[in-house]
Amino acid sequence: MQLRIATYNLRYDSQPDNITVQQSLEVLPGPLEEPHYLARSGEQPWSTRRMKVAQHLLSENPTIIGFQEALVRQVRDLAQLLGDEWAWVGVGRDDGAEAGEFCPIFYKTTELTLVEKESFWLSHTPFEPSRFPGAGSHRVCEVVRFNAKSSLASSPQAFTLLNTHLDDRSDIQRRLAASLLLIRARYEAYTTGGPVFVTGDFNSAATGYDSGAYQIITGKQRPIPVDPAFAKKYAVPEDALPDFVMQDLKVETPKLRVWGDFATFTGFNRPNDHSVFTRIDFVFGGSNGGWRANAHKVGSSLTDDGILASDHRPVFADVSL
């Protein structure tokens, strides 16, 4: 079974308006019209950017997408633009319903069957909507179990995906979050016996002063203590997967099959301005295996008419189960 897993921080709808999806579709230029470049750069309204996001994703043909920063309007717009073969799961991080940003997981119903879903928060009280002390925002993680449909397999192939967005202000929150994610991913690997993937914006680079979350989830630093109730609920025997970590799929992909830009965060800066460029968006695979990394690509955020679709670039990872 071949999967293309994507992670994409959309940039939240910071310039809301009343323009409908249908109205945006109606003003798209004709296919033979020459693109008209914008006179100014930087962030555009979501009603403009959403068309570029959808076009890019449809052209890349992913199987499953973990989004970040999506307000409820953005989730609904994407559901409309991507089409009927897509479904999604997720909750607003502020109340567990529709308030605040989502980390929704979109998936192709033609290729995947939803088995189970749940949410937890990256805080000291992970079983309820909550914010870590000193963090800039509530932070949520979506956990989904799927069966992958394949005509070549005698039975459905099960896997789990966790999608999240770590805090932009608090390094200790990011370290706690990585520790929670590692516990939850190991539990999935043990109880399901199948592959486990983590997608998200970690706000933590792979190296440097703010790399703690990346270092913890990849096993280079020890996790920090988490909520005892969470640790108990998702405990596994000590001798079960004792060295379990999450592996960076970009590292695990053959070098010849690694494409695209290096940086995933651009801050709406133009390609020739690297002042804030960094790699903080990742796709990880559990070290228990069951997958093979075939290709890795960082997509472009700049379209041919000069519109930056987001302040992050999407990441696409091709895997075999």
C-alpha atoms as a PDB file:
ATOM      1  CA  MET A   1       0.000   0.000   0.000  1.00  0.00           C
ATOM      2  CA  GLN A   2       1.370   3.367  -1.030  1.00  0.00           C
ATOM      3  CA  LEU A   3       0.533   6.460   1.024  1.00  0.00           C
ATOM      4  CA  ARG A   4       1.384  10.106   0.527  1.00  0.00           C
ATOM      5  CA  ILE A   5       1.264  11.769   3.945  1.00  0.00           C
ATOM      6  CA  ALA A   6       1.231  15.566   4.107  1.00  0.00           C
ATOM      7  CA  THR A   7       1.550  18.148   6.859  1.00  0.00           C
ATOM      8  CA  TYR A   8       0.581  21.768   6.233  1.00  0.00           C
ATOM      9  CA  ASN A   9       0.364  24.783   8.520  1.00  0.00           C
ATOM     10  CA  LEU A  10      -2.206  26.949   6.759  1.00  0.00           C
ATOM     11  CA  ARG A  11      -1.753  30.222   8.663  1.00  0.00           C
ATOM     12  CA  TYR A  12      -5.002  31.029  10.450  1.00  0.00           C
ATOM     13  CA  ASP A  13      -7.685  33.234   8.909  1.00  0.00           C
ATOM     14  CA  SER A  14      -6.236  36.524  10.179  1.00  0.00           C
ATOM     15  CA  GLN A  15      -8.087  38.692   7.630  1.00  0.00           C
ATOM     16  CA  PRO A  16     -11.643  37.332   7.705  1.00  0.00           C
ATOM     17  CA  ASP A  17     -14.171  38.456   5.128  1.00  0.00           C
ATOM     18  CA  ASN A  18     -17.551  37.366   3.804  1.00  0.00           C
ATOM     19  CA  ILE A  19     -16.360  36.049   0.448  1.00  0.00           C
ATOM     20  CA  THR A  20     -17.736  32.559  -0.181  1.00  0.00           C
ATOM     21  CA  VAL A  21     -15.872  29.687  -1.786  1.00  0.00           C
ATOM     22  CA  GLN A  22     -18.193  29.897  -4.791  1.00  0.00           C
ATOM     23  CA  GLN A  23     -17.380  33.582  -5.254  1.00  0.00           C
ATOM     24  CA  SER A  24     -13.648  32.797  -5.140  1.00  0.00           C
ATOM     25  CA  LEU A  25     -14.114  30.049  -7.710  1.00  0.00           C
ATOM     26  CA  GLU A  26     -15.984  32.395 -10.030  1.00  0.00           C
ATOM     27  CA  VAL A  27     -13.133  34.919 -10.189  1.00  0.00           C
ATOM     28  CA  LEU A  28     -10.391  32.395 -10.907  1.00  0.00           C
ATOM     29  CA  PRO A  29      -8.684  33.343 -14.188  1.00  0.00           C
ATOM     30  CA  GLY A  30      -9.308  31.304 -17.285  1.00  0.00           C
ATOM     31  CA  PRO A  31      -6.827  28.527 -18.123  1.00  0.00           C
ATOM     32  CA  LEU A  32      -5.374  30.459 -21.072  1.00  0.00           C
ATOM     33  CA  GLU A  33      -5.067  33.785 -19.273  1.00  0.00           C
ATOM     34  CA  GLU A  34      -1.591  34.965 -18.375  1.00  0.00           C
ATOM     35  CA  PRO A  35      -1.147  35.188 -14.582  1.00  0.00           C
ATOM     36  CA  HIS A  36      -1.314  38.687 -13.167  1.00  0.00           C
ATOM     37  CA  TYR A  37       1.374  39.276 -10.554  1.00  0.00           C
ATOM     38  CA  LEU A  38       0.450  41.001  -7.342  1.00  0.00           C
ATOM     39  CA  ALA A  39       1.834  44.487  -6.839  1.00  0.00           C
ATOM     40  CA  ARG A  40       2.671  43.708  -3.227  1.00  0.00           C
ATOM     41  CA  SER A  41       3.951  40.647  -1.434  1.00  0.00           C
ATOM     42  CA  GLY A  42       3.137  39.188   1.946  1.00  0.00           C
ATOM     43  CA  GLU A  43       0.010  37.707   3.453  1.00  0.00           C
ATOM     44  CA  GLN A  44      -3.232  37.731   1.485  1.00  0.00           C
ATOM     45  CA  PRO A  45      -6.751  37.029   2.843  1.00  0.00           C
ATOM     46  CA  TRP A  46      -7.688  33.401   3.345  1.00  0.00           C
ATOM     47  CA  SER A  47     -10.391  33.807   0.705  1.00  0.00           C
ATOM     48  CA  THR A  48      -7.560  34.244  -1.816  1.00  0.00           C
ATOM     49  CA  ARG A  49      -5.062  31.841  -0.285  1.00  0.00           C
ATOM     50  CA  ARG A  50      -7.496  28.936   0.057  1.00  0.00           C
ATOM     51  CA  MET A  51      -7.707  28.533  -3.701  1.00  0.00           C
ATOM     52  CA  LYS A  52      -3.921  28.180  -3.942  1.00  0.00           C
ATOM     53  CA  VAL A  53      -3.823  25.747  -1.027  1.00  0.00           C
ATOM     54  CA  ALA A  54      -6.479  23.535  -2.609  1.00  0.00           C
ATOM     55  CA  GLN A  55      -4.913  23.660  -6.077  1.00  0.00           C
ATOM     56  CA  HIS A  56      -1.509  22.713  -4.737  1.00  0.00           C
ATOM     57  CA  LEU A  57      -2.834  19.824  -2.675  1.00  0.00           C
ATOM     58  CA  LEU A  58      -4.980  18.457  -5.475  1.00  0.00           C
ATOM     59  CA  SER A  59      -1.975  18.550  -7.799  1.00  0.00           C
ATOM     60  CA  GLU A  60       0.176  16.635  -5.284  1.00  0.00           C
ATOM     61  CA  ASN A  61      -2.534  14.006  -4.667  1.00  0.00           C
ATOM     62  CA  PRO A  62      -1.882  13.170  -0.998  1.00  0.00           C
ATOM     63  CA  THR A  63      -3.742  10.360   0.767  1.00  0.00           C
ATOM     64  CA  ILE A  64      -3.867  11.978   4.185  1.00  0.00           C
ATOM     65  CA  ILE A  65      -3.174  15.544   5.366  1.00  0.00           C
ATOM     66  CA  GLY A  66      -2.514  16.875   8.855  1.00  0.00           C
ATOM     67  CA  PHE A  67      -3.298  20.595   8.908  1.00  0.00           C
ATOM     68  CA  GLN A  68      -2.438  23.154  11.574  1.00  0.00           C
ATOM     69  CA  GLU A  69      -3.881  26.597  12.447  1.00  0.00           C
ATOM     70  CA  ALA A  70      -7.186  25.954  10.692  1.00  0.00           C
ATOM     71  CA  LEU A  71     -10.128  27.899  12.086  1.00  0.00           C
ATOM     72  CA  VAL A  72     -13.528  26.302  11.574  1.00  0.00           C
ATOM     73  CA  ARG A  73     -14.196  28.362   8.426  1.00  0.00           C
ATOM     74  CA  GLN A  74     -10.947  27.121   6.923  1.00  0.00           C
ATOM     75  CA  VAL A  75     -11.774  23.505   7.735  1.00  0.00           C
ATOM     76  CA  ARG A  76     -15.149  23.794   6.059  1.00  0.00           C
ATOM     77  CA  ASP A  77     -13.710  25.613   3.038  1.00  0.00           C
ATOM     78  CA  LEU A  78     -11.110  22.893   2.509  1.00  0.00           C
ATOM     79  CA  ALA A  79     -13.740  20.178   2.823  1.00  0.00           C
ATOM     80  CA  GLN A  80     -15.688  21.907   0.044  1.00  0.00           C
ATOM     81  CA  LEU A  81     -12.672  22.540  -2.187  1.00  0.00           C
ATOM     82  CA  LEU A  82     -11.043  19.119  -1.873  1.00  0.00           C
ATOM     83  CA  GLY A  83     -14.269  17.372  -2.770  1.00  0.00           C
ATOM     84  CA  ASP A  84     -16.543  14.494  -1.844  1.00  0.00           C
ATOM     85  CA  GLU A  85     -13.847  11.820  -1.725  1.00  0.00           C
ATOM     86  CA  TRP A  86     -12.350  13.541   1.319  1.00  0.00           C
ATOM     87  CA  ALA A  87     -13.485  13.464   4.966  1.00  0.00           C
ATOM     88  CA  TRP A  88     -11.949  14.956   8.093  1.00  0.00           C
ATOM     89  CA  VAL A  89     -11.770  14.676  11.881  1.00  0.00           C
ATOM     90  CA  GLY A  90     -10.701  17.139  14.570  1.00  0.00           C
ATOM     91  CA  VAL A  91     -11.846  19.606  17.217  1.00  0.00           C
ATOM     92  CA  GLY A  92     -11.266  23.247  18.055  1.00  0.00           C
ATOM     93  CA  ARG A  93      -8.451  23.391  20.552  1.00  0.00           C
ATOM     94  CA  ASP A  94     -10.044  25.999  22.847  1.00  0.00           C
ATOM     95  CA  ASP A  95     -13.199  24.069  23.779  1.00  0.00           C
ATOM     96  CA  GLY A  96     -12.996  20.630  22.170  1.00  0.00           C
ATOM     97  CA  ALA A  97     -15.718  21.628  19.711  1.00  0.00           C
ATOM     98  CA  GLU A  98     -15.396  24.562  17.263  1.00  0.00           C
ATOM     99  CA  ALA A  99     -13.589  27.337  19.168  1.00  0.00           C
ATOM    100  CA  GLY A 100     -10.007  28.189  18.300  1.00  0.00           C
ATOM    101  CA  GLU A 101      -7.667  26.583  15.824  1.00  0.00           C
ATOM    102  CA  PHE A 102      -8.002  22.973  14.678  1.00  0.00           C
ATOM    103  CA  CYS A 103      -5.364  20.376  13.828  1.00  0.00           C
ATOM    104  CA  PRO A 104      -7.726  18.509  11.505  1.00  0.00           C
ATOM    105  CA  ILE A 105      -6.795  15.316   9.735  1.00  0.00           C
ATOM    106  CA  PHE A 106      -8.184  15.047   6.205  1.00  0.00           C
ATOM    107  CA  TYR A 107      -8.179  11.655   4.503  1.00  0.00           C
ATOM    108  CA  LYS A 108      -9.300  10.097   1.229  1.00  0.00           C
ATOM    109  CA  THR A 109     -12.287   7.888   1.865  1.00  0.00           C
ATOM    110  CA  THR A 110     -11.555   5.993  -1.340  1.00  0.00           C
ATOM    111  CA  GLU A 111      -8.273   4.769   0.131  1.00  0.00           C
ATOM    112  CA  LEU A 112      -8.685   4.858   3.911  1.00  0.00           C
ATOM    113  CA  THR A 113     -11.327   3.710   6.393  1.00  0.00           C
ATOM    114  CA  LEU A 114     -11.617   5.535   9.712  1.00  0.00           C
ATOM    115  CA  VAL A 115     -11.468   3.098  12.633  1.00  0.00           C
ATOM    116  CA  GLU A 116     -11.111   5.294  15.725  1.00  0.00           C
ATOM    117  CA  LYS A 117     -10.396   8.913  16.641  1.00  0.00           C
ATOM    118  CA  GLU A 118      -9.664  10.935  19.773  1.00  0.00           C
ATOM    119  CA  SER A 119      -8.090  14.176  20.944  1.00  0.00           C
ATOM    120  CA  PHE A 120      -5.812  15.127  23.799  1.00  0.00           C
ATOM    121  CA  TRP A 121      -4.221  18.366  24.925  1.00  0.00           C
ATOM    122  CA  LEU A 122      -0.503  19.058  25.267  1.00  0.00           C
ATOM    123  CA  SER A 123      -0.609  20.286  28.850  1.00  0.00           C
ATOM    124  CA  HIS A 124      -0.626  19.088  32.458  1.00  0.00           C
ATOM    125  CA  THR A 125      -4.313  18.144  32.025  1.00  0.00           C
ATOM    126  CA  PRO A 126      -4.322  16.370  28.661  1.00  0.00           C
ATOM    127  CA  PHE A 127      -7.831  14.928  28.879  1.00  0.00           C
ATOM    128  CA  GLU A 128      -9.580  18.301  28.766  1.00  0.00           C
ATOM    129  CA  PRO A 129      -9.211  21.529  26.771  1.00  0.00           C
ATOM    130  CA  SER A 130      -6.358  23.278  28.542  1.00  0.00           C
ATOM    131  CA  ARG A 131      -3.277  25.423  28.156  1.00  0.00           C
ATOM    132  CA  PHE A 132       0.196  24.760  29.484  1.00  0.00           C
ATOM    133  CA  PRO A 133       1.320  27.518  31.902  1.00  0.00           C
ATOM    134  CA  GLY A 134       3.279  30.118  29.950  1.00  0.00           C
ATOM    135  CA  ALA A 135       2.248  28.755  26.557  1.00  0.00           C
ATOM    136  CA  GLY A 136       0.907  31.128  23.946  1.00  0.00           C
ATOM    137  CA  SER A 137      -2.151  29.004  23.147  1.00  0.00           C
ATOM    138  CA  HIS A 138      -4.079  25.845  23.865  1.00  0.00           C
ATOM    139  CA  ARG A 139      -2.420  22.968  22.003  1.00  0.00           C
ATOM    140  CA  VAL A 140      -4.228  19.846  20.864  1.00  0.00           C
ATOM    141  CA  CYS A 141      -3.264  16.548  19.237  1.00  0.00           C
ATOM    142  CA  GLU A 142      -5.554  14.464  17.060  1.00  0.00           C
ATOM    143  CA  VAL A 143      -5.095  10.687  17.051  1.00  0.00           C
ATOM    144  CA  VAL A 144      -6.674   8.618  14.289  1.00  0.00           C
ATOM    145  CA  ARG A 145      -6.500   4.927  13.468  1.00  0.00           C
ATOM    146  CA  PHE A 146      -7.090   3.929   9.869  1.00  0.00           C
ATOM    147  CA  ASN A 147      -7.386   0.839   7.767  1.00  0.00           C
ATOM    148  CA  ALA A 148      -5.752   1.297   4.383  1.00  0.00           C
ATOM    149  CA  LYS A 149      -7.647  -0.262   1.492  1.00  0.00           C
ATOM    150  CA  SER A 150      -5.555  -2.183  -1.000  1.00  0.00           C
ATOM    151  CA  SER A 151      -6.477  -4.654  -3.708  1.00  0.00           C
ATOM    152  CA  LEU A 152      -3.058  -6.253  -3.282  1.00  0.00           C
ATOM    153  CA  ALA A 153      -3.454  -7.013   0.434  1.00  0.00           C
ATOM    154  CA  SER A 154      -5.404  -9.992   1.788  1.00  0.00           C
ATOM    155  CA  SER A 155      -6.686  -7.844   4.677  1.00  0.00           C
ATOM    156  CA  PRO A 156      -6.830  -4.101   5.459  1.00  0.00           C
ATOM    157  CA  GLN A 157      -3.544  -2.604   6.629  1.00  0.00           C
ATOM    158  CA  ALA A 158      -3.913  -0.685   9.893  1.00  0.00           C
ATOM    159  CA  PHE A 159      -1.899   2.359  10.922  1.00  0.00           C
ATOM    160  CA  THR A 160      -2.169   5.312  13.296  1.00  0.00           C
ATOM    161  CA  LEU A 161      -1.523   8.988  12.661  1.00  0.00           C
ATOM    162  CA  LEU A 162      -1.090  11.758  15.242  1.00  0.00           C
ATOM    163  CA  ASN A 163      -1.288  15.365  14.072  1.00  0.00           C
ATOM    164  CA  THR A 164      -0.428  18.374  16.210  1.00  0.00           C
ATOM    165  CA  HIS A 165       0.952  21.897  16.576  1.00  0.00           C
ATOM    166  CA  LEU A 166       3.423  22.681  19.362  1.00  0.00           C
ATOM    167  CA  ASP A 167       3.614  26.049  21.066  1.00  0.00           C
ATOM    168  CA  ASP A 168       5.423  28.999  19.516  1.00  0.00           C
ATOM    169  CA  ARG A 169       6.404  30.659  22.825  1.00  0.00           C
ATOM    170  CA  SER A 170       7.197  28.017  25.424  1.00  0.00           C
ATOM    171  CA  ASP A 171      10.124  25.636  24.958  1.00  0.00           C
ATOM    172  CA  ILE A 172       9.144  23.650  28.036  1.00  0.00           C
ATOM    173  CA  GLN A 173       5.659  23.166  26.561  1.00  0.00           C
ATOM    174  CA  ARG A 174       7.219  21.805  23.394  1.00  0.00           C
ATOM    175  CA  ARG A 175       9.337  19.390  25.429  1.00  0.00           C
ATOM    176  CA  LEU A 176       6.308  18.238  27.396  1.00  0.00           C
ATOM    177  CA  ALA A 177       4.349  17.874  24.165  1.00  0.00           C
ATOM    178  CA  ALA A 178       7.061  15.735  22.579  1.00  0.00           C
ATOM    179  CA  SER A 179       7.111  13.536  25.687  1.00  0.00           C
ATOM    180  CA  LEU A 180       3.322  13.081  25.535  1.00  0.00           C
ATOM    181  CA  LEU A 181       3.463  12.321  21.815  1.00  0.00           C
ATOM    182  CA  LEU A 182       6.176   9.721  22.299  1.00  0.00           C
ATOM    183  CA  ILE A 183       4.193   7.934  25.022  1.00  0.00           C
ATOM    184  CA  ARG A 184       1.028   7.947  22.905  1.00  0.00           C
ATOM    185  CA  ALA A 185       2.815   6.796  19.751  1.00  0.00           C
ATOM    186  CA  ARG A 186       4.563   3.957  21.578  1.00  0.00           C
ATOM    187  CA  TYR A 187       1.208   2.849  22.997  1.00  0.00           C
ATOM    188  CA  GLU A 188      -0.263   2.754  19.492  1.00  0.00           C
ATOM    189  CA  ALA A 189       2.694   0.789  18.174  1.00  0.00           C
ATOM    190  CA  TYR A 190       2.342  -1.739  20.986  1.00  0.00           C
ATOM    191  CA  THR A 191      -1.441  -2.155  21.003  1.00  0.00           C
ATOM    192  CA  THR A 192      -2.049  -2.147  17.246  1.00  0.00           C
ATOM    193  CA  GLY A 193       1.187  -3.719  16.053  1.00  0.00           C
ATOM    194  CA  GLY A 194       1.025  -1.406  13.050  1.00  0.00           C
ATOM    195  CA  PRO A 195       2.883   1.630  11.751  1.00  0.00           C
ATOM    196  CA  VAL A 196       2.585   4.936  13.593  1.00  0.00           C
ATOM    197  CA  PHE A 197       3.119   8.377  12.077  1.00  0.00           C
ATOM    198  CA  VAL A 198       3.299  11.851  13.604  1.00  0.00           C
ATOM    199  CA  THR A 199       2.758  15.015  11.558  1.00  0.00           C
ATOM    200  CA  GLY A 200       2.884  18.610  12.632  1.00  0.00           C
ATOM    201  CA  ASP A 201       4.410  22.002  13.134  1.00  0.00           C
ATOM    202  CA  PHE A 202       6.823  21.513  16.027  1.00  0.00           C
ATOM    203  CA  ASN A 203       8.024  25.120  16.267  1.00  0.00           C
ATOM    204  CA  SER A 204      11.260  23.302  17.036  1.00  0.00           C
ATOM    205  CA  ALA A 205      14.103  22.845  14.589  1.00  0.00           C
ATOM    206  CA  ALA A 206      16.168  19.661  14.392  1.00  0.00           C
ATOM    207  CA  THR A 207      19.229  21.409  15.794  1.00  0.00           C
ATOM    208  CA  GLY A 208      19.995  24.494  17.841  1.00  0.00           C
ATOM    209  CA  TYR A 209      18.796  26.097  21.052  1.00  0.00           C
ATOM    210  CA  ASP A 210      15.088  25.401  20.405  1.00  0.00           C
ATOM    211  CA  SER A 211      15.446  21.798  19.217  1.00  0.00           C
ATOM    212  CA  GLY A 212      14.368  20.134  22.477  1.00  0.00           C
ATOM    213  CA  ALA A 213      11.049  18.775  21.177  1.00  0.00           C
ATOM    214  CA  TYR A 214      12.679  17.308  18.081  1.00  0.00           C
ATOM    215  CA  GLN A 215      15.490  15.826  20.155  1.00  0.00           C
ATOM    216  CA  ILE A 216      13.038  14.178  22.574  1.00  0.00           C
ATOM    217  CA  ILE A 217      10.712  12.643  20.011  1.00  0.00           C
ATOM    218  CA  THR A 218      13.636  11.249  18.003  1.00  0.00           C
ATOM    219  CA  GLY A 219      15.281   9.767  21.106  1.00  0.00           C
ATOM    220  CA  LYS A 220      18.320  12.020  21.329  1.00  0.00           C
ATOM    221  CA  GLN A 221      17.171  13.505  24.660  1.00  0.00           C
ATOM    222  CA  ARG A 222      15.207  11.928  27.494  1.00  0.00           C
ATOM    223  CA  PRO A 223      11.497  12.754  27.809  1.00  0.00           C
ATOM    224  CA  ILE A 224      10.345  14.907  30.696  1.00  0.00           C
ATOM    225  CA  PRO A 225       7.668  13.869  33.256  1.00  0.00           C
ATOM    226  CA  VAL A 226       4.043  14.074  32.081  1.00  0.00           C
ATOM    227  CA  ASP A 227       0.625  13.879  33.745  1.00  0.00           C
ATOM    228  CA  PRO A 228       0.592  10.614  35.792  1.00  0.00           C
ATOM    229  CA  ALA A 229      -2.926   9.709  34.655  1.00  0.00           C
ATOM    230  CA  PHE A 230      -1.870  10.020  31.009  1.00  0.00           C
ATOM    231  CA  ALA A 231       1.270   7.974  31.606  1.00  0.00           C
ATOM    232  CA  LYS A 232      -0.769   5.265  33.345  1.00  0.00           C
ATOM    233  CA  LYS A 233      -3.497   5.109  30.703  1.00  0.00           C
ATOM    234  CA  TYR A 234      -1.002   4.688  27.885  1.00  0.00           C
ATOM    235  CA  ALA A 235       1.579   2.590  29.700  1.00  0.00           C
ATOM    236  CA  VAL A 236       3.062  -0.470  28.015  1.00  0.00           C
ATOM    237  CA  PRO A 237       5.214  -3.233  29.521  1.00  0.00           C
ATOM    238  CA  GLU A 238       8.770  -2.085  30.184  1.00  0.00           C
ATOM    239  CA  ASP A 239      10.186  -4.725  27.852  1.00  0.00           C
ATOM    240  CA  ALA A 240       7.819  -3.734  25.014  1.00  0.00           C
ATOM    241  CA  LEU A 241       9.519  -1.562  22.402  1.00  0.00           C
ATOM    242  CA  PRO A 242      12.000  -0.222  24.983  1.00  0.00           C
ATOM    243  CA  ASP A 243      13.938   1.817  22.410  1.00  0.00           C
ATOM    244  CA  PHE A 244      10.883   3.162  20.585  1.00  0.00           C
ATOM    245  CA  VAL A 245      11.337   6.611  18.994  1.00  0.00           C
ATOM    246  CA  MET A 246       9.890   8.542  16.091  1.00  0.00           C
ATOM    247  CA  GLN A 247      12.132   8.712  13.032  1.00  0.00           C
ATOM    248  CA  ASP A 248      12.320  11.749  10.763  1.00  0.00           C
ATOM    249  CA  LEU A 249      11.114  10.513   7.375  1.00  0.00           C
ATOM    250  CA  LYS A 250      13.332  12.989   5.572  1.00  0.00           C
ATOM    251  CA  VAL A 251      16.346  11.293   7.153  1.00  0.00           C
ATOM    252  CA  GLU A 252      14.990   7.822   6.332  1.00  0.00           C
ATOM    253  CA  THR A 253      14.335   8.606   2.657  1.00  0.00           C
ATOM    254  CA  PRO A 254      16.990   7.742   0.031  1.00  0.00           C
ATOM    255  CA  LYS A 255      18.911  10.937  -0.733  1.00  0.00           C
ATOM    256  CA  LEU A 256      18.083  10.805  -4.426  1.00  0.00           C
ATOM    257  CA  ARG A 257      14.381  10.921  -3.549  1.00  0.00           C
ATOM    258  CA  VAL A 258      14.515  13.999  -1.298  1.00  0.00           C
ATOM    259  CA  TRP A 259      13.204  17.000  -3.234  1.00  0.00           C
ATOM    260  CA  GLY A 260      12.123  20.593  -2.826  1.00  0.00           C
ATOM    261  CA  ASP A 261      13.174  23.340  -0.478  1.00  0.00           C
ATOM    262  CA  PHE A 262      14.886  22.786   2.858  1.00  0.00           C
ATOM    263  CA  ALA A 263      12.971  25.323   4.946  1.00  0.00           C
ATOM    264  CA  THR A 264       9.312  24.770   5.786  1.00  0.00           C
ATOM    265  CA  PHE A 265       8.656  28.076   7.591  1.00  0.00           C
ATOM    266  CA  THR A 266       9.087  31.244   5.540  1.00  0.00           C
ATOM    267  CA  GLY A 267       7.100  33.890   7.427  1.00  0.00           C
ATOM    268  CA  PHE A 268       5.621  35.089   4.107  1.00  0.00           C
ATOM    269  CA  ASN A 269       9.116  36.147   3.039  1.00  0.00           C
ATOM    270  CA  ARG A 270      10.106  35.899  -0.579  1.00  0.00           C
ATOM    271  CA  PRO A 271      12.406  33.055  -1.707  1.00  0.00           C
ATOM    272  CA  ASN A 272      15.460  35.339  -1.863  1.00  0.00           C
ATOM    273  CA  ASP A 273      14.970  36.499   1.745  1.00  0.00           C
ATOM    274  CA  HIS A 274      16.113  33.741   4.098  1.00  0.00           C
ATOM    275  CA  SER A 275      16.074  35.819   7.288  1.00  0.00           C
ATOM    276  CA  VAL A 276      13.466  33.628   9.025  1.00  0.00           C
ATOM    277  CA  PHE A 277      13.628  30.428   6.966  1.00  0.00           C
ATOM    278  CA  THR A 278      13.805  27.260   9.063  1.00  0.00           C
ATOM    279  CA  ARG A 279      12.661  23.634   9.075  1.00  0.00           C
ATOM    280  CA  ILE A 280      10.038  23.081  11.785  1.00  0.00           C
ATOM    281  CA  ASP A 281       7.333  20.988  10.042  1.00  0.00           C
ATOM    282  CA  PHE A 282       7.848  17.230  10.076  1.00  0.00           C
ATOM    283  CA  VAL A 283       6.522  13.792   9.215  1.00  0.00           C
ATOM    284  CA  PHE A 284       7.794  11.080  11.561  1.00  0.00           C
ATOM    285  CA  GLY A 285       7.451   7.296  11.459  1.00  0.00           C
ATOM    286  CA  GLY A 286       7.608   4.985  14.470  1.00  0.00           C
ATOM    287  CA  SER A 287      10.742   2.893  14.916  1.00  0.00           C
ATOM    288  CA  ASN A 288       8.585  -0.225  15.343  1.00  0.00           C
ATOM    289  CA  GLY A 289       8.528  -0.246  11.536  1.00  0.00           C
ATOM    290  CA  GLY A 290       5.892  -1.498   9.148  1.00  0.00           C
ATOM    291  CA  TRP A 291       6.687   1.314   6.710  1.00  0.00           C
ATOM    292  CA  ARG A 292       9.333   2.285   4.171  1.00  0.00           C
ATOM    293  CA  ALA A 293      10.138   5.891   3.248  1.00  0.00           C
ATOM    294  CA  ASN A 294      10.194   6.248  -0.536  1.00  0.00           C
ATOM    295  CA  ALA A 295      10.238  10.005  -1.177  1.00  0.00           C
ATOM    296  CA  HIS A 296      10.177  13.311   0.688  1.00  0.00           C
ATOM    297  CA  LYS A 297       9.258  16.692  -0.739  1.00  0.00           C
ATOM    298  CA  VAL A 298       8.867  20.193   0.652  1.00  0.00           C
ATOM    299  CA  GLY A 299       6.343  21.913  -1.575  1.00  0.00           C
ATOM    300  CA  SER A 300       6.352  25.511  -2.727  1.00  0.00           C
ATOM    301  CA  SER A 301       4.313  28.251  -1.057  1.00  0.00           C
ATOM    302  CA  LEU A 302       4.732  30.664  -4.009  1.00  0.00           C
ATOM    303  CA  THR A 303       2.317  30.361  -6.933  1.00  0.00           C
ATOM    304  CA  ASP A 304       2.755  31.588 -10.481  1.00  0.00           C
ATOM    305  CA  ASP A 305       0.776  34.775  -9.798  1.00  0.00           C
ATOM    306  CA  GLY A 306       2.953  35.732  -6.845  1.00  0.00           C
ATOM    307  CA  ILE A 307       0.575  34.697  -4.062  1.00  0.00           C
ATOM    308  CA  LEU A 308       2.104  33.064  -0.997  1.00  0.00           C
ATOM    309  CA  ALA A 309      -0.427  30.427   0.041  1.00  0.00           C
ATOM    310  CA  SER A 310       0.860  30.293   3.629  1.00  0.00           C
ATOM    311  CA  ASP A 311       3.792  31.268   5.824  1.00  0.00           C
ATOM    312  CA  HIS A 312       4.683  27.544   5.844  1.00  0.00           C
ATOM    313  CA  ARG A 313       5.371  25.158   3.011  1.00  0.00           C
ATOM    314  CA  PRO A 314       3.619  21.793   2.883  1.00  0.00           C
ATOM    315  CA  VAL A 315       5.646  18.630   3.436  1.00  0.00           C
ATOM    316  CA  PHE A 316       4.841  15.429   1.520  1.00  0.00           C
ATOM    317  CA  ALA A 317       6.203  12.007   2.527  1.00  0.00           C
ATOM    318  CA  ASP A 318       5.649   8.922   0.381  1.00  0.00           C
ATOM    319  CA  VAL A 319       5.643   5.657   2.302  1.00  0.00           C
ATOM    320  CA  SER A 320       4.909   2.005   1.653  1.00  0.00           C
ATOM    321  CA  LEU A 321       3.091  -0.072   4.238  1.00  0.00           C
END
